[in-house]
Every structure is written in C-alpha cells, then in structure tokens.
C-alpha cells in the first residue's frame, strides 16, 4: 500500500464537487441554468463538480441558494474551510519565522495527545532531537524559505513539545528506517552525540522505538513520514505544505500502514544493535 499525501487534498475537492453535483441534480437544474442563477461560469461549475478546482465560500452559498438547500450551505462551507486548512502553504506560515510552521498554537496538540505514532524515513523525530541536530535541519529550511532566523526559539519550542509528549502517562510509538540513523545533518561528532541520546530515549518505559534494518523486506510503502496524534489527526510535512488529515477513513489508512510498519521493525536489543552499528560506522 502506498499513501501519497497529495491525493488527500484531491480527494477532498472531489468529495465536495460530488456533493454539489448531487445537490444540483436533485434540484433539477442544468449546469447552464445554475450558471445563470449564480453568475458562476458553466465551465467553472463543471470543474468544481469534477474536483478539478475548489469552489469559493461565496460560490457554495450561491449554489445552495439557487438549488433551494440553504440549510446545507454552512456544512459545505465548513468542509471547504477544513480542506483549505489541511493543505496550508508552508511559505505563508513561515514568513515570520520557522516557529510558526506548526500553526498558530504548535504546542497544543502535543499537550492534548496521549498516544503519539510517528514514522520517519530520513530524519529523527523532533521530540528526540538534540539542539545541534534541530539547528541543522531547521537551518536548511529557513534558508530555503528565506525566513528570519529564529532557530533558538524553534529549539526551545521543540524542547517544550518533547516535554509534553514524553510525559510518563503518554505513549510514544515510533518506527524509523535505518537510513534515518545514517543520514547526517551535522558533523560526525554531533551526529554521534545525537545517536547516543537516541539510545537514552529507547530506555524510557513509555517509548516504543522500532527500526527497519537495511535488507529487511517490508510489505507497506509510504513515500513520506507522518505523525498520528491519538487516532484523530494525521500530519504530513511536505516541502510546499503541511497536510492535516482528520477524515476518519483517511486516518484509518495511516493507522493501518503504521501497524504494518511496526510488524516489520526490529525492537529491543535488536534495535539497539542497529543504532550501535550506525555509531560504529562514524569511526
């Protein structure tokens, strides 16, 4: 199974379009009649109904009004706004600094969640990162986006996130590929310190860390890392956007693939051996 996060936004547009098409057909209006009543071009109506573009809030309300279903307008507007929020552009978020990449209140979800699930292919989870590792990773994206240098604030924010997530009553379930351990963002000395710190996290009773070693056959396939907060929200970070997924059927997909990945990972002493092998490779 492959999950492509970009498709969830497309699926959302298609779902809204299909619902608007159903409303139009149930009202007995043709596309041209609806166009005349709403001032929405007939071509735009077709594009909306087929999920090629998202309607505006004004268009949704006009559409429902013309079809005699004003009572359905606000539900559709709420769904539309949720879709827009889910695929929020990072460039707009980080304009005033990388600390805003997580949204207006980037700490809240870490304080409210009790079970964290995380899969990563190339970078260690933020809650396990030492300051030098965070600075290196954030530094690249800060330069990429031309954002102001607020690295010190980002480090403090991630430390606060870690404190919230790692509370004794919470559960931290993480699956990494071995490639994560061998991908360096800092010099050899600092990277070794980061891996040694990871070994300490593995000893925590509320942390379950699985590592998929090189050469091990795996059944599922995800082309990006993701976080699952309880069983309610999935967050995927892309170079151009942060995707927030809340639709239960889609969250369930990520839960299933995470469970499959856990089944392929090494744990305990076997996982520790993989980390020690990565440390030894730095010599």
C-alpha atoms as a PDB file:
ATOM      1  CA  UNK A   1       0.000   0.000   0.000  1.00  0.00           C
ATOM      2  CA  UNK A   2       1.347   3.441  -0.917  1.00  0.00           C
ATOM      3  CA  UNK A   3      -0.012   6.618   0.640  1.00  0.00           C
ATOM      4  CA  UNK A   4       0.518   9.788  -1.340  1.00  0.00           C
ATOM      5  CA  UNK A   5      -0.409  12.735   0.907  1.00  0.00           C
ATOM      6  CA  UNK A   6      -1.100  14.998  -2.052  1.00  0.00           C
ATOM      7  CA  UNK A   7      -4.030  12.790  -3.062  1.00  0.00           C
ATOM      8  CA  UNK A   8      -5.949  13.560   0.135  1.00  0.00           C
ATOM      9  CA  UNK A   9      -6.412  17.177  -0.945  1.00  0.00           C
ATOM     10  CA  UNK A  10      -7.567  15.971  -4.357  1.00  0.00           C
ATOM     11  CA  UNK A  11      -9.977  13.519  -2.757  1.00  0.00           C
ATOM     12  CA  UNK A  12     -11.371  16.327  -0.612  1.00  0.00           C
ATOM     13  CA  UNK A  13     -12.029  18.512  -3.664  1.00  0.00           C
ATOM     14  CA  UNK A  14     -13.707  15.581  -5.425  1.00  0.00           C
ATOM     15  CA  UNK A  15     -15.929  14.857  -2.434  1.00  0.00           C
ATOM     16  CA  UNK A  16     -17.114  18.473  -2.238  1.00  0.00           C
ATOM     17  CA  UNK A  17     -17.631  18.567  -6.015  1.00  0.00           C
ATOM     18  CA  UNK A  18     -19.618  15.334  -5.994  1.00  0.00           C
ATOM     19  CA  UNK A  19     -21.877  16.646  -3.236  1.00  0.00           C
ATOM     20  CA  UNK A  20     -22.510  19.898  -5.118  1.00  0.00           C
ATOM     21  CA  UNK A  21     -23.273  17.961  -8.308  1.00  0.00           C
ATOM     22  CA  UNK A  22     -25.753  15.816  -6.379  1.00  0.00           C
ATOM     23  CA  UNK A  23     -27.430  18.950  -4.987  1.00  0.00           C
ATOM     24  CA  UNK A  24     -27.727  20.451  -8.476  1.00  0.00           C
ATOM     25  CA  UNK A  25     -29.174  17.281  -9.981  1.00  0.00           C
ATOM     26  CA  UNK A  26     -31.676  16.795  -7.163  1.00  0.00           C
ATOM     27  CA  UNK A  27     -32.894  20.349  -7.714  1.00  0.00           C
ATOM     28  CA  UNK A  28     -33.479  19.611 -11.374  1.00  0.00           C
ATOM     29  CA  UNK A  29     -31.170  22.387 -12.591  1.00  0.00           C
ATOM     30  CA  UNK A  30     -28.837  22.035 -15.551  1.00  0.00           C
ATOM     31  CA  UNK A  31     -25.356  23.465 -15.399  1.00  0.00           C
ATOM     32  CA  UNK A  32     -26.367  26.369 -17.634  1.00  0.00           C
ATOM     33  CA  UNK A  33     -29.413  27.242 -15.546  1.00  0.00           C
ATOM     34  CA  UNK A  34     -27.319  27.117 -12.371  1.00  0.00           C
ATOM     35  CA  UNK A  35     -24.714  29.313 -14.064  1.00  0.00           C
ATOM     36  CA  UNK A  36     -27.332  31.923 -14.931  1.00  0.00           C
ATOM     37  CA  UNK A  37     -28.718  31.900 -11.387  1.00  0.00           C
ATOM     38  CA  UNK A  38     -25.367  32.123  -9.598  1.00  0.00           C
ATOM     39  CA  UNK A  39     -23.168  34.015 -12.100  1.00  0.00           C
ATOM     40  CA  UNK A  40     -20.698  31.119 -11.872  1.00  0.00           C
ATOM     41  CA  UNK A  41     -19.391  30.320 -15.352  1.00  0.00           C
ATOM     42  CA  UNK A  42     -20.690  26.993 -16.645  1.00  0.00           C
ATOM     43  CA  UNK A  43     -17.116  25.799 -17.218  1.00  0.00           C
ATOM     44  CA  UNK A  44     -16.251  26.569 -13.590  1.00  0.00           C
ATOM     45  CA  UNK A  45     -19.307  24.577 -12.477  1.00  0.00           C
ATOM     46  CA  UNK A  46     -18.040  21.567 -14.416  1.00  0.00           C
ATOM     47  CA  UNK A  47     -14.547  21.919 -12.935  1.00  0.00           C
ATOM     48  CA  UNK A  48     -15.920  22.146  -9.398  1.00  0.00           C
ATOM     49  CA  UNK A  49     -18.201  19.135  -9.838  1.00  0.00           C
ATOM     50  CA  UNK A  50     -15.334  17.022 -11.185  1.00  0.00           C
ATOM     51  CA  UNK A  51     -12.989  18.002  -8.374  1.00  0.00           C
ATOM     52  CA  UNK A  52     -10.513  19.885 -10.570  1.00  0.00           C
ATOM     53  CA  UNK A  53     -10.867  23.110  -8.550  1.00  0.00           C
ATOM     54  CA  UNK A  54     -12.331  24.070  -5.190  1.00  0.00           C
ATOM     55  CA  UNK A  55     -15.317  26.416  -5.077  1.00  0.00           C
ATOM     56  CA  UNK A  56     -15.171  29.633  -3.093  1.00  0.00           C
ATOM     57  CA  UNK A  57     -17.290  30.140   0.012  1.00  0.00           C
ATOM     58  CA  UNK A  58     -19.421  32.639  -1.915  1.00  0.00           C
ATOM     59  CA  UNK A  59     -19.949  30.141  -4.726  1.00  0.00           C
ATOM     60  CA  UNK A  60     -21.001  27.390  -2.324  1.00  0.00           C
ATOM     61  CA  UNK A  61     -23.612  29.617  -0.702  1.00  0.00           C
ATOM     62  CA  UNK A  62     -24.922  30.866  -4.056  1.00  0.00           C
ATOM     63  CA  UNK A  63     -25.052  27.292  -5.372  1.00  0.00           C
ATOM     64  CA  UNK A  64     -27.072  26.030  -2.412  1.00  0.00           C
ATOM     65  CA  UNK A  65     -29.380  29.045  -2.544  1.00  0.00           C
ATOM     66  CA  UNK A  66     -30.126  28.523  -6.241  1.00  0.00           C
ATOM     67  CA  UNK A  67     -30.860  24.837  -5.596  1.00  0.00           C
ATOM     68  CA  UNK A  68     -33.160  25.596  -2.656  1.00  0.00           C
ATOM     69  CA  UNK A  69     -30.981  23.955   0.006  1.00  0.00           C
ATOM     70  CA  UNK A  70     -29.714  26.891   2.046  1.00  0.00           C
ATOM     71  CA  UNK A  71     -29.713  24.613   5.085  1.00  0.00           C
ATOM     72  CA  UNK A  72     -26.829  22.592   3.586  1.00  0.00           C
ATOM     73  CA  UNK A  73     -24.634  25.570   2.744  1.00  0.00           C
ATOM     74  CA  UNK A  74     -22.863  26.017   6.080  1.00  0.00           C
ATOM     75  CA  UNK A  75     -21.927  22.339   6.374  1.00  0.00           C
ATOM     76  CA  UNK A  76     -20.361  22.532   2.932  1.00  0.00           C
ATOM     77  CA  UNK A  77     -18.587  25.768   3.787  1.00  0.00           C
ATOM     78  CA  UNK A  78     -17.157  24.166   6.933  1.00  0.00           C
ATOM     79  CA  UNK A  79     -15.919  21.196   4.894  1.00  0.00           C
ATOM     80  CA  UNK A  80     -14.368  23.538   2.347  1.00  0.00           C
ATOM     81  CA  UNK A  81     -12.558  25.559   5.010  1.00  0.00           C
ATOM     82  CA  UNK A  82     -11.298  22.360   6.648  1.00  0.00           C
ATOM     83  CA  UNK A  83      -9.888  21.265   3.296  1.00  0.00           C
ATOM     84  CA  UNK A  84      -8.144  24.600   2.810  1.00  0.00           C
ATOM     85  CA  UNK A  85      -6.684  24.441   6.321  1.00  0.00           C
ATOM     86  CA  UNK A  86      -5.493  20.877   5.770  1.00  0.00           C
ATOM     87  CA  UNK A  87      -3.393  21.880   2.787  1.00  0.00           C
ATOM     88  CA  UNK A  88      -1.927  25.086   4.177  1.00  0.00           C
ATOM     89  CA  UNK A  89       1.102  26.514   2.379  1.00  0.00           C
ATOM     90  CA  UNK A  90       4.244  26.485   4.492  1.00  0.00           C
ATOM     91  CA  UNK A  91       5.705  29.547   2.820  1.00  0.00           C
ATOM     92  CA  UNK A  92       2.863  31.671   4.201  1.00  0.00           C
ATOM     93  CA  UNK A  93       3.228  30.096   7.650  1.00  0.00           C
ATOM     94  CA  UNK A  94       6.956  30.624   7.993  1.00  0.00           C
ATOM     95  CA  UNK A  95       7.050  34.163   6.638  1.00  0.00           C
ATOM     96  CA  UNK A  96       7.642  35.438  10.173  1.00  0.00           C
ATOM     97  CA  UNK A  97       9.814  32.550  11.334  1.00  0.00           C
ATOM     98  CA  UNK A  98      10.128  28.753  11.391  1.00  0.00           C
ATOM     99  CA  UNK A  99       8.460  28.557  14.797  1.00  0.00           C
ATOM    100  CA  UNK A 100       5.148  29.210  13.012  1.00  0.00           C
ATOM    101  CA  UNK A 101       5.469  26.109  10.794  1.00  0.00           C
ATOM    102  CA  UNK A 102       3.300  24.157  13.226  1.00  0.00           C
ATOM    103  CA  UNK A 103       0.405  26.616  13.077  1.00  0.00           C
ATOM    104  CA  UNK A 104      -0.896  29.264  15.444  1.00  0.00           C
ATOM    105  CA  UNK A 105      -0.568  27.072  18.531  1.00  0.00           C
ATOM    106  CA  UNK A 106       2.082  24.462  17.683  1.00  0.00           C
ATOM    107  CA  UNK A 107       2.288  23.184  21.264  1.00  0.00           C
ATOM    108  CA  UNK A 108      -1.418  22.499  21.847  1.00  0.00           C
ATOM    109  CA  UNK A 109      -1.694  19.170  20.024  1.00  0.00           C
ATOM    110  CA  UNK A 110       1.345  17.834  21.914  1.00  0.00           C
ATOM    111  CA  UNK A 111      -0.268  18.776  25.234  1.00  0.00           C
ATOM    112  CA  UNK A 112      -3.618  17.197  24.312  1.00  0.00           C
ATOM    113  CA  UNK A 113      -2.436  13.926  22.750  1.00  0.00           C
ATOM    114  CA  UNK A 114      -1.897  10.776  24.828  1.00  0.00           C
ATOM    115  CA  UNK A 115      -0.733   8.350  22.105  1.00  0.00           C
ATOM    116  CA  UNK A 116       1.790   9.515  19.506  1.00  0.00           C
ATOM    117  CA  UNK A 117       2.636   7.472  16.427  1.00  0.00           C
ATOM    118  CA  UNK A 118       5.454   8.552  14.103  1.00  0.00           C
ATOM    119  CA  UNK A 119       7.093   7.043  11.031  1.00  0.00           C
ATOM    120  CA  UNK A 120      10.207   8.612   9.520  1.00  0.00           C
ATOM    121  CA  UNK A 121      12.405   7.766   6.539  1.00  0.00           C
ATOM    122  CA  UNK A 122      15.205  10.335   6.711  1.00  0.00           C
ATOM    123  CA  UNK A 123      15.057  12.457   9.863  1.00  0.00           C
ATOM    124  CA  UNK A 124      14.767  11.796  13.588  1.00  0.00           C
ATOM    125  CA  UNK A 125      11.510  12.822  15.285  1.00  0.00           C
ATOM    126  CA  UNK A 126      11.637  16.348  16.677  1.00  0.00           C
ATOM    127  CA  UNK A 127      10.931  15.118  20.216  1.00  0.00           C
ATOM    128  CA  UNK A 128      14.179  13.083  20.119  1.00  0.00           C
ATOM    129  CA  UNK A 129      16.387  15.779  18.617  1.00  0.00           C
ATOM    130  CA  UNK A 130      19.282  17.451  20.421  1.00  0.00           C
ATOM    131  CA  UNK A 131      19.691  21.210  19.790  1.00  0.00           C
ATOM    132  CA  UNK A 132      22.532  20.897  17.256  1.00  0.00           C
ATOM    133  CA  UNK A 133      20.519  18.438  15.166  1.00  0.00           C
ATOM    134  CA  UNK A 134      17.438  20.674  15.241  1.00  0.00           C
ATOM    135  CA  UNK A 135      19.502  23.731  14.326  1.00  0.00           C
ATOM    136  CA  UNK A 136      20.964  21.975  11.280  1.00  0.00           C
ATOM    137  CA  UNK A 137      17.618  20.692   9.993  1.00  0.00           C
ATOM    138  CA  UNK A 138      15.736  23.944  10.617  1.00  0.00           C
ATOM    139  CA  UNK A 139      18.622  25.987   9.221  1.00  0.00           C
ATOM    140  CA  UNK A 140      18.249  24.442   5.784  1.00  0.00           C
ATOM    141  CA  UNK A 141      14.516  25.114   5.576  1.00  0.00           C
ATOM    142  CA  UNK A 142      14.928  28.620   6.990  1.00  0.00           C
ATOM    143  CA  UNK A 143      17.333  29.446   4.161  1.00  0.00           C
ATOM    144  CA  UNK A 144      15.133  27.653   1.631  1.00  0.00           C
ATOM    145  CA  UNK A 145      12.093  29.763   2.536  1.00  0.00           C
ATOM    146  CA  UNK A 146      14.027  32.958   3.224  1.00  0.00           C
ATOM    147  CA  UNK A 147      12.539  33.051   6.724  1.00  0.00           C
ATOM    148  CA  UNK A 148      14.062  35.110   9.556  1.00  0.00           C
ATOM    149  CA  UNK A 149      16.489  33.317  11.856  1.00  0.00           C
ATOM    150  CA  UNK A 150      14.527  32.185  14.893  1.00  0.00           C
ATOM    151  CA  UNK A 151      16.450  28.928  15.356  1.00  0.00           C
ATOM    152  CA  UNK A 152      16.876  29.468  19.104  1.00  0.00           C
ATOM    153  CA  UNK A 153      13.111  29.853  19.517  1.00  0.00           C
ATOM    154  CA  UNK A 154      12.441  26.745  17.400  1.00  0.00           C
ATOM    155  CA  UNK A 155      14.813  24.715  19.585  1.00  0.00           C
ATOM    156  CA  UNK A 156      13.007  25.881  22.740  1.00  0.00           C
ATOM    157  CA  UNK A 157       9.636  25.074  21.147  1.00  0.00           C
ATOM    158  CA  UNK A 158      10.747  21.540  20.236  1.00  0.00           C
ATOM    159  CA  UNK A 159      12.061  21.019  23.752  1.00  0.00           C
ATOM    160  CA  UNK A 160       8.686  22.043  25.148  1.00  0.00           C
ATOM    161  CA  UNK A 161       6.963  19.699  22.684  1.00  0.00           C
ATOM    162  CA  UNK A 162       9.236  16.885  23.829  1.00  0.00           C
ATOM    163  CA  UNK A 163       8.444  17.561  27.483  1.00  0.00           C
ATOM    164  CA  UNK A 164       4.714  17.493  26.732  1.00  0.00           C
ATOM    165  CA  UNK A 165       4.878  14.358  24.582  1.00  0.00           C
ATOM    166  CA  UNK A 166       7.210  12.385  26.851  1.00  0.00           C
ATOM    167  CA  UNK A 167       5.103  12.755  29.992  1.00  0.00           C
ATOM    168  CA  UNK A 168       5.005   9.432  31.803  1.00  0.00           C
ATOM    169  CA  UNK A 169       1.306   8.868  31.149  1.00  0.00           C
ATOM    170  CA  UNK A 170       1.701   9.190  27.358  1.00  0.00           C
ATOM    171  CA  UNK A 171       2.745   6.507  24.873  1.00  0.00           C
ATOM    172  CA  UNK A 172       5.294   7.218  22.137  1.00  0.00           C
ATOM    173  CA  UNK A 173       5.271   4.720  19.251  1.00  0.00           C
ATOM    174  CA  UNK A 174       7.941   5.378  16.638  1.00  0.00           C
ATOM    175  CA  UNK A 175       9.146   3.453  13.582  1.00  0.00           C
ATOM    176  CA  UNK A 176      12.288   4.571  11.748  1.00  0.00           C
ATOM    177  CA  UNK A 177      14.182   3.200   8.801  1.00  0.00           C
ATOM    178  CA  UNK A 178      17.882   2.504   9.340  1.00  0.00           C
ATOM    179  CA  UNK A 179      18.555   5.273   6.820  1.00  0.00           C
ATOM    180  CA  UNK A 180      17.425   7.806   9.444  1.00  0.00           C
ATOM    181  CA  UNK A 181      20.353   6.809  11.668  1.00  0.00           C
ATOM    182  CA  UNK A 182      22.908   7.174   8.890  1.00  0.00           C
ATOM    183  CA  UNK A 183      21.660  10.450   7.432  1.00  0.00           C
ATOM    184  CA  UNK A 184      23.820  13.243   8.882  1.00  0.00           C
ATOM    185  CA  UNK A 185      22.777  16.896   9.115  1.00  0.00           C
ATOM    186  CA  UNK A 186      25.724  17.857  11.334  1.00  0.00           C
ATOM    187  CA  UNK A 187      29.369  16.816  11.671  1.00  0.00           C
ATOM    188  CA  UNK A 188      30.349  13.323  12.816  1.00  0.00           C
ATOM    189  CA  UNK A 189      30.867  14.290  16.474  1.00  0.00           C
ATOM    190  CA  UNK A 190      27.469  15.966  16.839  1.00  0.00           C
ATOM    191  CA  UNK A 191      25.728  13.181  14.953  1.00  0.00           C
ATOM    192  CA  UNK A 192      27.245  10.593  17.282  1.00  0.00           C
ATOM    193  CA  UNK A 193      26.006  12.580  20.281  1.00  0.00           C
ATOM    194  CA  UNK A 194      22.524  12.576  18.727  1.00  0.00           C
ATOM    195  CA  UNK A 195      22.559   8.796  18.289  1.00  0.00           C
ATOM    196  CA  UNK A 196      23.774   8.300  21.851  1.00  0.00           C
ATOM    197  CA  UNK A 197      20.882  10.451  23.026  1.00  0.00           C
ATOM    198  CA  UNK A 198      18.524   8.277  20.977  1.00  0.00           C
ATOM    199  CA  UNK A 199      19.723   5.233  22.934  1.00  0.00           C
ATOM    200  CA  UNK A 200      18.664   7.001  26.134  1.00  0.00           C
ATOM    201  CA  UNK A 201      15.176   7.640  24.755  1.00  0.00           C
ATOM    202  CA  UNK A 202      14.879   3.939  23.900  1.00  0.00           C
ATOM    203  CA  UNK A 203      15.197   3.112  27.614  1.00  0.00           C
ATOM    204  CA  UNK A 204      12.108   5.108  28.568  1.00  0.00           C
ATOM    205  CA  UNK A 205       9.227   2.799  29.564  1.00  0.00           C
ATOM    206  CA  UNK A 206       6.667   4.804  27.601  1.00  0.00           C
ATOM    207  CA  UNK A 207       8.712   4.850  24.358  1.00  0.00           C
ATOM    208  CA  UNK A 208       8.450   2.074  21.785  1.00  0.00           C
ATOM    209  CA  UNK A 209      11.093   2.564  19.103  1.00  0.00           C
ATOM    210  CA  UNK A 210      11.206   0.193  16.154  1.00  0.00           C
ATOM    211  CA  UNK A 211      13.847   0.326  13.424  1.00  0.00           C
ATOM    212  CA  UNK A 212      13.504  -1.274   9.995  1.00  0.00           C
ATOM    213  CA  UNK A 213      17.022  -2.510   9.138  1.00  0.00           C
ATOM    214  CA  UNK A 214      18.503  -2.362   5.670  1.00  0.00           C
ATOM    215  CA  UNK A 215      17.804  -5.508   3.699  1.00  0.00           C
ATOM    216  CA  UNK A 216      14.602  -6.389   5.540  1.00  0.00           C
ATOM    217  CA  UNK A 217      11.642  -6.973   3.264  1.00  0.00           C
ATOM    218  CA  UNK A 218       8.687  -4.736   4.082  1.00  0.00           C
ATOM    219  CA  UNK A 219       5.149  -5.016   2.806  1.00  0.00           C
ATOM    220  CA  UNK A 220       3.745  -1.482   3.164  1.00  0.00           C
ATOM    221  CA  UNK A 221       5.205   1.504   1.387  1.00  0.00           C
ATOM    222  CA  UNK A 222       4.805   5.128   2.433  1.00  0.00           C
ATOM    223  CA  UNK A 223       6.682   7.713   0.399  1.00  0.00           C
ATOM    224  CA  UNK A 224       6.866  10.181   3.315  1.00  0.00           C
ATOM    225  CA  UNK A 225       6.986  10.340   7.077  1.00  0.00           C
ATOM    226  CA  UNK A 226       3.901  11.132   9.145  1.00  0.00           C
ATOM    227  CA  UNK A 227       2.633  11.738  12.674  1.00  0.00           C
ATOM    228  CA  UNK A 228      -0.622  10.355  14.082  1.00  0.00           C
ATOM    229  CA  UNK A 229      -1.977  12.130  17.157  1.00  0.00           C
ATOM    230  CA  UNK A 230      -4.167   9.697  19.105  1.00  0.00           C
ATOM    231  CA  UNK A 231      -6.485   8.360  16.393  1.00  0.00           C
ATOM    232  CA  UNK A 232      -7.849  11.745  15.394  1.00  0.00           C
ATOM    233  CA  UNK A 233      -5.294  13.718  13.378  1.00  0.00           C
ATOM    234  CA  UNK A 234      -2.518  12.869  10.927  1.00  0.00           C
ATOM    235  CA  UNK A 235       0.108  15.456   9.990  1.00  0.00           C
ATOM    236  CA  UNK A 236       2.367  15.143   6.962  1.00  0.00           C
ATOM    237  CA  UNK A 237       5.038  17.717   6.186  1.00  0.00           C
ATOM    238  CA  UNK A 238       5.814  18.309   2.513  1.00  0.00           C
ATOM    239  CA  UNK A 239       8.300  20.832   1.076  1.00  0.00           C
ATOM    240  CA  UNK A 240       5.406  23.037  -0.073  1.00  0.00           C
ATOM    241  CA  UNK A 241       2.752  22.402   2.558  1.00  0.00           C
ATOM    242  CA  UNK A 242       1.730  20.888   5.839  1.00  0.00           C
ATOM    243  CA  UNK A 243      -1.105  18.427   5.372  1.00  0.00           C
ATOM    244  CA  UNK A 244      -3.527  17.967   8.256  1.00  0.00           C
ATOM    245  CA  UNK A 245      -5.806  14.947   7.856  1.00  0.00           C
ATOM    246  CA  UNK A 246      -8.868  14.496  10.055  1.00  0.00           C
ATOM    247  CA  UNK A 247     -11.291  12.499   7.896  1.00  0.00           C
ATOM    248  CA  UNK A 248     -11.746   9.187   9.822  1.00  0.00           C
ATOM    249  CA  UNK A 249     -11.433   6.955   6.747  1.00  0.00           C
ATOM    250  CA  UNK A 250      -8.113   8.574   5.829  1.00  0.00           C
ATOM    251  CA  UNK A 251      -6.772   8.499   9.392  1.00  0.00           C
ATOM    252  CA  UNK A 252      -7.608   4.801   9.416  1.00  0.00           C
ATOM    253  CA  UNK A 253      -5.385   4.273   6.362  1.00  0.00           C
ATOM    254  CA  UNK A 254      -2.415   5.755   8.188  1.00  0.00           C
ATOM    255  CA  UNK A 255      -3.172   3.706  11.317  1.00  0.00           C
ATOM    256  CA  UNK A 256      -3.210   0.521   9.236  1.00  0.00           C
ATOM    257  CA  UNK A 257       0.060   1.255   7.481  1.00  0.00           C
ATOM    258  CA  UNK A 258       1.722   2.235  10.771  1.00  0.00           C
ATOM    259  CA  UNK A 259       0.660  -1.069  12.326  1.00  0.00           C
ATOM    260  CA  UNK A 260       2.107  -2.923   9.320  1.00  0.00           C
ATOM    261  CA  UNK A 261       5.382  -0.997   9.631  1.00  0.00           C
ATOM    262  CA  UNK A 262       5.587  -1.883  13.316  1.00  0.00           C
ATOM    263  CA  UNK A 263       5.339  -5.531  12.322  1.00  0.00           C
ATOM    264  CA  UNK A 264       8.403  -5.186  10.092  1.00  0.00           C
ATOM    265  CA  UNK A 265      10.585  -3.309  12.590  1.00  0.00           C
ATOM    266  CA  UNK A 266      13.248  -4.534  14.986  1.00  0.00           C
ATOM    267  CA  UNK A 267      12.764  -3.764  18.682  1.00  0.00           C
ATOM    268  CA  UNK A 268      14.642  -4.039  21.955  1.00  0.00           C
ATOM    269  CA  UNK A 269      18.185  -5.383  21.793  1.00  0.00           C
ATOM    270  CA  UNK A 270      17.923  -5.884  18.027  1.00  0.00           C
ATOM    271  CA  UNK A 271      17.010  -2.218  17.503  1.00  0.00           C
ATOM    272  CA  UNK A 272      19.799  -1.155  19.868  1.00  0.00           C
ATOM    273  CA  UNK A 273      22.256  -3.174  17.775  1.00  0.00           C
ATOM    274  CA  UNK A 274      21.185  -1.259  14.668  1.00  0.00           C
ATOM    275  CA  UNK A 275      21.826   2.072  16.437  1.00  0.00           C
ATOM    276  CA  UNK A 276      25.216   0.898  17.709  1.00  0.00           C
ATOM    277  CA  UNK A 277      26.093  -0.209  14.178  1.00  0.00           C
ATOM    278  CA  UNK A 278      25.283   3.275  12.917  1.00  0.00           C
ATOM    279  CA  UNK A 279      27.502   4.799  15.640  1.00  0.00           C
ATOM    280  CA  UNK A 280      30.347   2.428  14.757  1.00  0.00           C
ATOM    281  CA  UNK A 281      30.097   3.439  11.093  1.00  0.00           C
ATOM    282  CA  UNK A 282      31.053   7.007  12.059  1.00  0.00           C
ATOM    283  CA  UNK A 283      34.557   5.993  13.171  1.00  0.00           C
END
